């Protein structure tokens, strides 16, 4: 069964402290949903139209598990804590078997 991944790219983070409430809720919600953080706050080399800001990669045992974790009540509470005007490119993708 192919794994599932959350991929988040943050085009710009003008107020990192503004993410504190989100991070405090999102971490436990991701772990409760079976997610494993593979990349967070690491170095980025961007090519072509890439963005060098923060990239987060989270792995789940299946695509369905990744979708369910996003739709969970716990993660939906975390989303409410994102600051106004905050921008990110978030995707759930299916891995290759």
C-alpha atoms as a PDB file:
ATOM      1  CA  UNK A   1       0.000   0.000   0.000  1.00  0.00           C
ATOM      2  CA  UNK A   2       1.464   3.399  -0.945  1.00  0.00           C
ATOM      3  CA  UNK A   3       2.306   5.796   1.848  1.00  0.00           C
ATOM      4  CA  UNK A   4       0.738   9.222   2.149  1.00  0.00           C
ATOM      5  CA  UNK A   5       2.566  12.493   2.655  1.00  0.00           C
ATOM      6  CA  UNK A   6       1.728  15.983   3.783  1.00  0.00           C
ATOM      7  CA  UNK A   7       3.868  18.527   1.974  1.00  0.00           C
ATOM      8  CA  UNK A   8       3.752  22.133   3.170  1.00  0.00           C
ATOM      9  CA  UNK A   9       5.696  25.022   1.695  1.00  0.00           C
ATOM     10  CA  UNK A  10       5.592  28.373   3.419  1.00  0.00           C
ATOM     11  CA  UNK A  11       6.203  31.172   0.863  1.00  0.00           C
ATOM     12  CA  UNK A  12       7.102  33.638   3.618  1.00  0.00           C
ATOM     13  CA  UNK A  13       6.972  33.643   7.393  1.00  0.00           C
ATOM     14  CA  UNK A  14       6.949  37.208   8.661  1.00  0.00           C
ATOM     15  CA  UNK A  15       6.001  36.323  12.238  1.00  0.00           C
ATOM     16  CA  UNK A  16       7.339  32.892  13.311  1.00  0.00           C
ATOM     17  CA  UNK A  17       6.076  33.435  16.868  1.00  0.00           C
ATOM     18  CA  UNK A  18       2.564  33.722  15.426  1.00  0.00           C
ATOM     19  CA  UNK A  19       2.734  30.004  14.596  1.00  0.00           C
ATOM     20  CA  UNK A  20       3.269  28.946  18.215  1.00  0.00           C
ATOM     21  CA  UNK A  21      -0.383  28.139  18.957  1.00  0.00           C
ATOM     22  CA  UNK A  22      -0.724  26.215  15.697  1.00  0.00           C
ATOM     23  CA  UNK A  23       2.483  24.229  16.298  1.00  0.00           C
ATOM     24  CA  UNK A  24       1.420  23.284  19.836  1.00  0.00           C
ATOM     25  CA  UNK A  25      -1.839  21.819  18.500  1.00  0.00           C
ATOM     26  CA  UNK A  26      -0.629  20.446  15.165  1.00  0.00           C
ATOM     27  CA  UNK A  27       2.248  18.319  16.494  1.00  0.00           C
ATOM     28  CA  UNK A  28       0.107  16.155  18.769  1.00  0.00           C
ATOM     29  CA  UNK A  29      -2.655  15.958  16.133  1.00  0.00           C
ATOM     30  CA  UNK A  30      -0.184  14.715  13.515  1.00  0.00           C
ATOM     31  CA  UNK A  31       1.307  12.114  15.856  1.00  0.00           C
ATOM     32  CA  UNK A  32      -2.174  10.946  16.939  1.00  0.00           C
ATOM     33  CA  UNK A  33      -3.024  10.494  13.251  1.00  0.00           C
ATOM     34  CA  UNK A  34       0.042   8.317  12.723  1.00  0.00           C
ATOM     35  CA  UNK A  35       2.223  10.967  11.079  1.00  0.00           C
ATOM     36  CA  UNK A  36       6.010  11.088  11.251  1.00  0.00           C
ATOM     37  CA  UNK A  37       7.779  14.372  10.578  1.00  0.00           C
ATOM     38  CA  UNK A  38      10.565  13.786   8.047  1.00  0.00           C
ATOM     39  CA  UNK A  39      11.547  17.404   7.442  1.00  0.00           C
ATOM     40  CA  UNK A  40      10.889  20.587   9.372  1.00  0.00           C
ATOM     41  CA  UNK A  41      12.981  23.769   9.666  1.00  0.00           C
ATOM     42  CA  UNK A  42      15.774  22.132   7.659  1.00  0.00           C
ATOM     43  CA  UNK A  43      17.900  23.672   4.960  1.00  0.00           C
ATOM     44  CA  UNK A  44      16.337  24.192   1.537  1.00  0.00           C
ATOM     45  CA  UNK A  45      17.951  24.656  -1.862  1.00  0.00           C
ATOM     46  CA  UNK A  46      15.316  25.889  -4.300  1.00  0.00           C
ATOM     47  CA  UNK A  47      15.505  25.530  -8.062  1.00  0.00           C
ATOM     48  CA  UNK A  48      13.416  26.974 -10.867  1.00  0.00           C
ATOM     49  CA  UNK A  49      10.272  28.500  -9.299  1.00  0.00           C
ATOM     50  CA  UNK A  50      11.100  27.041  -5.870  1.00  0.00           C
ATOM     51  CA  UNK A  51      10.775  28.819  -2.563  1.00  0.00           C
ATOM     52  CA  UNK A  52      13.580  28.691  -0.001  1.00  0.00           C
ATOM     53  CA  UNK A  53      11.398  29.204   3.052  1.00  0.00           C
ATOM     54  CA  UNK A  54      10.305  26.441   5.401  1.00  0.00           C
ATOM     55  CA  UNK A  55       9.257  23.091   3.915  1.00  0.00           C
ATOM     56  CA  UNK A  56       7.553  20.449   6.051  1.00  0.00           C
ATOM     57  CA  UNK A  57       7.278  16.809   4.994  1.00  0.00           C
ATOM     58  CA  UNK A  58       5.208  14.362   7.046  1.00  0.00           C
ATOM     59  CA  UNK A  59       4.831  10.651   6.249  1.00  0.00           C
ATOM     60  CA  UNK A  60       1.817   8.436   6.971  1.00  0.00           C
ATOM     61  CA  UNK A  61       1.440   4.695   6.455  1.00  0.00           C
ATOM     62  CA  UNK A  62      -1.189   5.308   3.747  1.00  0.00           C
ATOM     63  CA  UNK A  63      -2.749   8.077   1.690  1.00  0.00           C
ATOM     64  CA  UNK A  64      -6.070   7.452   3.436  1.00  0.00           C
ATOM     65  CA  UNK A  65      -4.417   7.855   6.833  1.00  0.00           C
ATOM     66  CA  UNK A  66      -2.910  11.181   5.708  1.00  0.00           C
ATOM     67  CA  UNK A  67      -6.315  12.467   4.570  1.00  0.00           C
ATOM     68  CA  UNK A  68      -8.000  11.269   7.773  1.00  0.00           C
ATOM     69  CA  UNK A  69      -5.370  12.996   9.927  1.00  0.00           C
ATOM     70  CA  UNK A  70      -5.975  16.282   8.104  1.00  0.00           C
ATOM     71  CA  UNK A  71      -9.738  15.921   8.538  1.00  0.00           C
ATOM     72  CA  UNK A  72      -9.460  14.952  12.221  1.00  0.00           C
ATOM     73  CA  UNK A  73     -11.043  17.145  14.854  1.00  0.00           C
ATOM     74  CA  UNK A  74      -7.656  17.685  16.515  1.00  0.00           C
ATOM     75  CA  UNK A  75      -5.996  18.961  13.337  1.00  0.00           C
ATOM     76  CA  UNK A  76      -8.969  21.118  12.426  1.00  0.00           C
ATOM     77  CA  UNK A  77      -8.526  22.862  15.795  1.00  0.00           C
ATOM     78  CA  UNK A  78      -4.891  23.476  14.907  1.00  0.00           C
ATOM     79  CA  UNK A  79      -5.899  25.065  11.598  1.00  0.00           C
ATOM     80  CA  UNK A  80      -8.112  27.543  13.441  1.00  0.00           C
ATOM     81  CA  UNK A  81      -4.996  28.656  15.350  1.00  0.00           C
ATOM     82  CA  UNK A  82      -3.148  29.717  12.179  1.00  0.00           C
ATOM     83  CA  UNK A  83      -2.684  33.497  12.225  1.00  0.00           C
ATOM     84  CA  UNK A  84      -4.764  35.722   9.951  1.00  0.00           C
ATOM     85  CA  UNK A  85      -3.122  36.384   6.613  1.00  0.00           C
ATOM     86  CA  UNK A  86      -0.877  33.362   6.956  1.00  0.00           C
ATOM     87  CA  UNK A  87      -0.048  31.644   3.673  1.00  0.00           C
ATOM     88  CA  UNK A  88       1.200  28.166   2.824  1.00  0.00           C
ATOM     89  CA  UNK A  89       0.982  25.678  -0.014  1.00  0.00           C
ATOM     90  CA  UNK A  90      -0.317  22.448   1.561  1.00  0.00           C
ATOM     91  CA  UNK A  91      -0.819  19.170  -0.291  1.00  0.00           C
ATOM     92  CA  UNK A  92      -1.567  15.571   0.548  1.00  0.00           C
ATOM     93  CA  UNK A  93       0.135  13.257  -1.930  1.00  0.00           C
ATOM     94  CA  UNK A  94       0.213   9.519  -2.482  1.00  0.00           C
ATOM     95  CA  UNK A  95       3.600   7.837  -2.537  1.00  0.00           C
ATOM     96  CA  UNK A  96       4.761   5.140  -4.879  1.00  0.00           C
ATOM     97  CA  UNK A  97       4.391   1.546  -3.728  1.00  0.00           C
END
